[in-house]
Amino acid sequence: RMVDEFSSFARMPKPVINREDLRELVKAAVFPQKVTFSDIEFAVETPEIPVHVECDGRLIVQALSNLIKNAGESIGARIAEKEGGAPGQIKVAISVEDGNARICVVDNGVGLPAAKRHRLAEPYMTTREKGTGLGLAIVKKVAEEHGGALDFIDDASLGKTGARVTLTLPIAKADKTGVRPQAAAAE
């Protein structure tokens, strides 16, 4: 697994850009994680209208899957520390503002580390005993290759501790009518 992660980071594929509905990409990332973390309650909040982004859907699904997997592992660590504690919860929410789509992955896990927080997305930086330190580095690289960003913040909205990781991507340019898809559907 480590060799695979090192290799995938070293030769990240060049993105193949298509117009994608972010709601569908989120569904594709959440479903397998629901199966993997069957004891965690998942909530997905998306707008009723399409949220189009110009991206490599495969890479965005990989990035989101990585964020959700980290959230699940953080919940597992919290439950192991406190012997049964509160049930695990992960919320994945899409919002649109200022020409950007934001995908927030919120969990009620152990939260973000106080020390070295600013280094979380650096290659080979890990806080986990068996981690490679490449997961968040890959997510950050994918975000940047799509003109986006990756942000971390503590978030106790689902429990006493937790984290929110936000992947921000620019929404798709206006279509031939000159109207962004979100604006057209909202009118």
Protein backbone atom coordinates (compact mmCIF):
# COMPACT_ATOMS: atom_id res chain seq x y z
CA ARG A 1 0.00 0.00 0.00
CA MET A 2 2.83 2.39 0.88
CA VAL A 3 4.61 1.73 -2.40
CA ASP A 4 1.36 2.34 -4.28
CA GLU A 5 0.84 5.66 -2.50
CA PHE A 6 4.45 6.76 -3.08
CA SER A 7 4.16 5.84 -6.75
CA SER A 8 0.82 7.56 -7.20
CA PHE A 9 2.16 10.75 -5.62
CA ALA A 10 5.36 10.68 -7.66
CA ARG A 11 3.56 10.37 -10.97
CA MET A 12 0.19 11.97 -10.53
CA PRO A 13 -1.68 11.66 -13.81
CA LYS A 14 -2.30 14.82 -15.79
CA PRO A 15 -5.95 15.79 -15.23
CA VAL A 16 -8.39 15.03 -18.04
CA ILE A 17 -10.82 17.92 -17.72
CA ASN A 18 -14.54 17.49 -18.34
CA ARG A 19 -17.64 19.33 -17.15
CA GLU A 20 -18.91 17.36 -14.13
CA ASP A 21 -21.78 17.69 -11.68
CA LEU A 22 -20.10 17.81 -8.29
CA ARG A 23 -23.15 16.22 -6.66
CA GLU A 24 -22.53 13.03 -8.65
CA LEU A 25 -18.82 13.00 -7.77
CA VAL A 26 -19.66 13.33 -4.07
CA LYS A 27 -22.10 10.40 -4.32
CA ALA A 28 -19.41 8.31 -6.05
CA ALA A 29 -16.93 9.08 -3.26
CA VAL A 30 -19.33 8.58 -0.33
CA PHE A 31 -20.92 5.26 -1.33
CA PRO A 32 -17.85 3.00 -0.98
CA GLN A 33 -16.89 4.72 2.29
CA LYS A 34 -20.38 4.01 3.69
CA VAL A 35 -19.71 0.33 3.01
CA THR A 36 -16.22 0.47 4.53
CA PHE A 37 -17.33 2.41 7.62
CA SER A 38 -20.75 0.77 8.07
CA ASP A 39 -20.91 1.74 11.75
CA ILE A 40 -20.65 5.48 10.96
CA GLU A 41 -23.69 7.62 10.18
CA PHE A 42 -23.26 9.58 6.94
CA ALA A 43 -25.15 12.71 5.91
CA VAL A 44 -24.81 14.21 2.43
CA GLU A 45 -26.11 17.72 1.79
CA THR A 46 -26.13 18.97 -1.80
CA PRO A 47 -28.01 21.69 -3.65
CA GLU A 48 -31.07 20.59 -5.62
CA ILE A 49 -29.58 22.04 -8.80
CA PRO A 50 -26.41 20.83 -10.56
CA VAL A 51 -23.09 22.24 -9.39
CA HIS A 52 -20.89 22.06 -12.48
CA VAL A 53 -17.13 22.15 -12.21
CA GLU A 54 -14.50 21.64 -14.89
CA CYS A 55 -12.37 18.85 -13.48
CA ASP A 56 -11.02 15.34 -13.80
CA GLY A 57 -13.87 13.51 -12.09
CA ARG A 58 -11.70 10.48 -11.29
CA LEU A 59 -9.15 12.61 -9.44
CA ILE A 60 -11.81 14.55 -7.53
CA VAL A 61 -13.51 11.31 -6.45
CA GLN A 62 -10.09 10.00 -5.33
CA ALA A 63 -9.44 13.19 -3.35
CA LEU A 64 -12.88 13.15 -1.70
CA SER A 65 -12.58 9.44 -0.91
CA ASN A 66 -9.28 10.15 0.80
CA LEU A 67 -10.83 12.93 2.92
CA ILE A 68 -13.78 10.71 3.92
CA LYS A 69 -11.43 7.79 4.71
CA ASN A 70 -9.37 10.09 6.96
CA ALA A 71 -12.56 11.22 8.72
CA GLY A 72 -13.58 7.60 9.31
CA GLU A 73 -10.15 6.73 10.69
CA SER A 74 -10.25 9.79 12.97
CA ILE A 75 -13.59 8.62 14.35
CA GLY A 76 -12.15 5.14 14.88
CA ALA A 77 -9.23 6.64 16.83
CA ARG A 78 -11.60 8.67 19.02
CA ILE A 79 -13.79 5.66 19.78
CA ALA A 80 -10.71 3.52 20.57
CA GLU A 81 -9.42 6.20 22.97
CA LYS A 82 -12.72 6.57 24.82
CA GLU A 83 -13.97 2.98 24.69
CA GLY A 84 -17.23 3.33 22.84
CA GLY A 85 -17.85 7.12 23.01
CA ALA A 86 -20.49 8.81 20.85
CA PRO A 87 -21.40 7.15 17.55
CA GLY A 88 -19.40 8.22 14.51
CA GLN A 89 -20.82 10.85 12.17
CA ILE A 90 -19.54 12.24 8.88
CA LYS A 91 -21.28 15.01 6.98
CA VAL A 92 -20.34 15.87 3.40
CA ALA A 93 -21.86 19.14 2.21
CA ILE A 94 -21.60 21.12 -1.03
CA SER A 95 -22.14 24.86 -1.08
CA VAL A 96 -21.63 27.48 -3.78
CA GLU A 97 -20.50 31.05 -3.17
CA ASP A 98 -18.31 33.65 -4.85
CA GLY A 99 -17.89 31.54 -7.99
CA ASN A 100 -16.56 28.56 -6.04
CA ALA A 101 -17.94 25.21 -5.00
CA ARG A 102 -16.99 24.10 -1.51
CA ILE A 103 -17.13 20.49 -0.42
CA CYS A 104 -16.88 20.23 3.36
CA VAL A 105 -16.16 16.92 5.04
CA VAL A 106 -17.03 17.24 8.74
CA ASP A 107 -16.49 14.48 11.31
CA ASN A 108 -16.72 13.90 15.04
CA GLY A 109 -13.33 12.24 15.28
CA VAL A 110 -10.30 13.18 17.36
CA GLY A 111 -9.96 16.59 15.69
CA LEU A 112 -6.88 18.17 14.19
CA PRO A 113 -3.48 17.91 15.88
CA ALA A 114 -2.49 21.07 17.74
CA ALA A 115 1.17 20.74 16.78
CA LYS A 116 2.26 20.65 13.14
CA ARG A 117 -1.26 21.50 11.90
CA HIS A 118 0.24 23.82 9.29
CA ARG A 119 2.15 20.85 7.85
CA LEU A 120 -0.77 18.40 7.46
CA ALA A 121 -0.80 18.53 3.65
CA GLU A 122 2.99 18.27 3.24
CA PRO A 123 4.28 15.06 1.66
CA TYR A 124 5.33 12.40 4.19
CA MET A 125 3.85 14.30 7.18
CA THR A 126 1.63 12.00 9.21
CA THR A 127 0.16 11.85 12.69
CA ARG A 128 -0.85 8.19 12.35
CA GLU A 129 1.30 5.25 13.31
CA LYS A 130 0.71 3.45 9.99
CA GLY A 131 0.23 6.53 7.81
CA THR A 132 2.42 7.38 4.83
CA GLY A 133 1.77 11.11 4.95
CA LEU A 134 0.71 11.20 1.31
CA GLY A 135 -3.09 11.20 1.46
CA LEU A 136 -3.59 14.90 2.18
CA ALA A 137 -0.58 15.85 0.03
CA ILE A 138 -2.30 14.14 -2.91
CA VAL A 139 -5.61 15.86 -2.14
CA LYS A 140 -3.88 19.26 -1.96
CA LYS A 141 -2.09 18.61 -5.25
CA VAL A 142 -5.36 17.61 -6.95
CA ALA A 143 -7.07 20.75 -5.59
CA GLU A 144 -4.27 23.01 -6.81
CA GLU A 145 -4.17 21.37 -10.26
CA HIS A 146 -7.86 22.27 -10.57
CA GLY A 147 -7.38 25.89 -9.48
CA GLY A 148 -8.74 25.14 -6.03
CA ALA A 149 -7.59 24.90 -2.44
CA LEU A 150 -7.68 22.67 0.64
CA ASP A 151 -8.38 24.03 4.15
CA PHE A 152 -8.58 22.51 7.64
CA ILE A 153 -10.34 23.76 10.75
CA ASP A 154 -11.50 22.32 14.06
CA ASP A 155 -15.25 21.70 14.05
CA ALA A 156 -17.26 20.51 17.03
CA SER A 157 -20.66 20.73 15.28
CA LEU A 158 -21.12 16.93 15.36
CA GLY A 159 -19.65 16.23 18.81
CA LYS A 160 -17.17 17.36 21.44
CA THR A 161 -14.29 17.08 18.98
CA GLY A 162 -13.97 16.92 15.23
CA ALA A 163 -12.60 18.49 12.10
CA ARG A 164 -13.78 20.11 8.90
CA VAL A 165 -11.74 19.75 5.73
CA THR A 166 -12.88 21.90 2.82
CA LEU A 167 -12.01 21.28 -0.81
CA THR A 168 -12.72 24.41 -2.86
CA LEU A 169 -13.02 24.30 -6.67
CA PRO A 170 -14.01 27.01 -9.15
CA ILE A 171 -17.45 26.44 -10.65
CA ALA A 172 -17.63 25.93 -14.41
CA LYS A 173 -17.45 28.94 -16.69
CA ALA A 174 -20.67 30.29 -18.19
CA ASP A 175 -22.26 28.18 -20.90
CA LYS A 176 -23.12 29.45 -24.40
CA THR A 177 -26.04 31.50 -23.05
CA GLY A 178 -23.63 33.47 -20.89
CA VAL A 179 -25.30 32.31 -17.68
CA ARG A 180 -23.65 30.08 -15.11
CA PRO A 181 -25.68 26.87 -14.66
CA GLN A 182 -26.40 27.59 -10.97
CA ALA A 183 -27.73 31.08 -11.74
CA ALA A 184 -29.93 29.84 -14.57
CA ALA A 185 -31.58 27.16 -12.45
CA ALA A 186 -32.13 29.52 -9.51
CA GLU A 187 -34.08 32.09 -11.56
